[in-house]
Amino acid sequence: QVQLAEPGGGLVQAGGSLRFSCAASGSMFRMNNMGWYRQGLGKQRELVARISNGGITNYADSVKGRFTISRANAGNTVYLYLQINSLKPEDTAIYYCNGLVGWDPFASWGQGTQVTVSS
């Protein structure tokens, strides 16, 4: 089960920073990769950051150098974090986390957290 533990989104000015997290419970999350997705208004959901079970990270080109994904395992719970710096208006979206088998999400989607960046 994926639960967004801290809805740390909100309204932020361009150039600002945000950090938010989610908690995913279950051995499947512990054993697999994790990812942060986002979905802008009228757009498809896209994977923006991925972290393997071993800590290897991948980022979409649009967020490289500004987004940092990290994870911490505690028992069968994975705490997933996303640090966003130098926010841009185009980062405005609902952000979701999920577990990944390879590059594919496997859990039901949570509610996500809304991030709005004003120019």
Protein backbone atom coordinates (compact mmCIF):
# COMPACT_ATOMS: atom_id res chain seq x y z
CA GLN A 1 0.00 0.00 0.00
CA VAL A 2 1.30 3.41 -0.95
CA GLN A 3 0.56 6.26 1.40
CA LEU A 4 1.64 9.80 0.95
CA ALA A 5 2.87 10.44 4.43
CA GLU A 6 3.53 14.14 4.20
CA PRO A 7 1.70 16.22 1.68
CA GLY A 8 4.57 18.66 1.50
CA GLY A 9 3.45 20.31 -1.71
CA GLY A 10 1.72 23.62 -2.01
CA LEU A 11 2.17 27.00 -3.66
CA VAL A 12 5.76 28.05 -4.16
CA GLN A 13 7.44 30.86 -6.06
CA ALA A 14 9.68 30.07 -8.99
CA GLY A 15 13.22 29.50 -7.82
CA GLY A 16 12.11 28.07 -4.51
CA SER A 17 12.54 24.59 -3.08
CA LEU A 18 10.31 21.83 -1.80
CA ARG A 19 10.81 18.49 -0.16
CA PHE A 20 8.15 15.85 0.29
CA SER A 21 7.91 12.22 1.04
CA CYS A 22 5.79 9.14 0.88
CA ALA A 23 5.70 5.90 2.79
CA ALA A 24 5.13 2.59 1.02
CA SER A 25 4.46 -0.50 3.09
CA GLY A 26 5.08 -4.03 1.94
CA SER A 27 7.93 -6.28 0.96
CA MET A 28 7.37 -5.58 -2.74
CA PHE A 29 8.38 -1.97 -2.23
CA ARG A 30 11.38 -2.89 -0.15
CA MET A 31 12.68 -5.29 -2.80
CA ASN A 32 12.06 -3.12 -5.85
CA ASN A 33 12.72 0.25 -7.37
CA MET A 34 10.74 3.34 -6.41
CA GLY A 35 9.77 6.35 -8.44
CA TRP A 36 8.26 9.80 -8.38
CA TYR A 37 5.79 10.69 -11.09
CA ARG A 38 4.02 13.89 -11.92
CA GLN A 39 0.97 14.80 -13.93
CA GLY A 40 0.38 18.33 -15.14
CA LEU A 41 -3.05 19.59 -16.10
CA GLY A 42 -4.08 18.00 -19.37
CA LYS A 43 -0.88 15.98 -19.56
CA GLN A 44 0.00 12.34 -19.14
CA ARG A 45 1.58 11.12 -15.96
CA GLU A 46 5.35 10.95 -16.38
CA LEU A 47 8.15 9.37 -14.42
CA VAL A 48 10.55 12.08 -13.29
CA ALA A 49 12.84 10.27 -10.86
CA ARG A 50 13.63 6.65 -10.10
CA ILE A 51 15.78 4.99 -7.48
CA SER A 52 16.75 1.36 -7.45
CA ASN A 53 16.77 -0.88 -4.44
CA GLY A 54 20.52 -0.33 -4.36
CA GLY A 55 20.31 3.46 -4.56
CA ILE A 56 21.04 4.04 -8.24
CA THR A 57 19.10 7.07 -9.47
CA ASN A 58 17.70 8.12 -12.83
CA TYR A 59 16.04 11.38 -13.76
CA ALA A 60 14.04 12.77 -16.64
CA ASP A 61 16.05 15.26 -18.65
CA SER A 62 13.68 18.05 -17.67
CA VAL A 63 14.53 17.71 -13.98
CA LYS A 64 18.18 16.69 -13.95
CA GLY A 65 20.25 18.81 -11.64
CA ARG A 66 17.19 20.12 -9.79
CA PHE A 67 15.46 17.00 -8.42
CA THR A 68 16.97 14.58 -5.96
CA ILE A 69 15.31 11.30 -5.09
CA SER A 70 16.29 9.29 -2.06
CA ARG A 71 14.94 6.41 -0.05
CA ALA A 72 15.22 4.91 3.39
CA ASN A 73 14.09 1.42 4.30
CA ALA A 74 12.68 0.65 7.73
CA GLY A 75 11.42 -2.88 8.09
CA ASN A 76 8.93 -3.43 5.29
CA THR A 77 8.32 0.28 4.83
CA VAL A 78 10.12 2.38 2.27
CA TYR A 79 10.30 6.10 2.88
CA LEU A 80 10.76 7.88 -0.42
CA TYR A 81 11.84 11.50 -0.65
CA LEU A 82 11.94 14.10 -3.38
CA GLN A 83 13.92 17.30 -3.02
CA ILE A 84 13.13 19.88 -5.68
CA ASN A 85 15.30 22.97 -6.12
CA SER A 86 15.09 25.87 -8.54
CA LEU A 87 11.38 25.29 -9.10
CA LYS A 88 9.94 26.37 -12.43
CA PRO A 89 6.32 27.06 -13.39
CA GLU A 90 6.44 23.98 -15.62
CA ASP A 91 7.00 21.87 -12.49
CA THR A 92 3.38 22.59 -11.55
CA ALA A 93 1.71 19.19 -11.30
CA ILE A 94 0.38 16.58 -8.96
CA TYR A 95 3.25 14.43 -7.74
CA TYR A 96 2.86 10.73 -6.99
CA CYS A 97 5.12 8.00 -5.76
CA ASN A 98 4.97 4.31 -6.63
CA GLY A 99 6.95 1.14 -6.60
CA LEU A 100 8.49 -0.01 -9.86
CA VAL A 101 9.29 -3.38 -11.29
CA GLY A 102 11.97 -2.33 -13.69
CA TRP A 103 10.43 0.86 -15.01
CA ASP A 104 6.78 -0.10 -14.56
CA PRO A 105 4.60 0.98 -11.61
CA PHE A 106 2.91 -1.86 -9.78
CA ALA A 107 0.82 -0.39 -6.98
CA SER A 108 -2.45 1.47 -6.92
CA TRP A 109 -1.93 5.20 -7.12
CA GLY A 110 -2.28 7.36 -4.05
CA GLN A 111 -3.86 10.80 -4.01
CA GLY A 112 -0.64 12.58 -4.82
CA THR A 113 0.41 16.02 -3.69
CA GLN A 114 -0.27 19.21 -5.60
CA VAL A 115 2.68 21.47 -6.36
CA THR A 116 1.96 24.86 -7.87
CA VAL A 117 4.83 27.12 -8.92
CA SER A 118 4.08 30.77 -9.49
CA SER A 119 6.23 32.89 -11.78
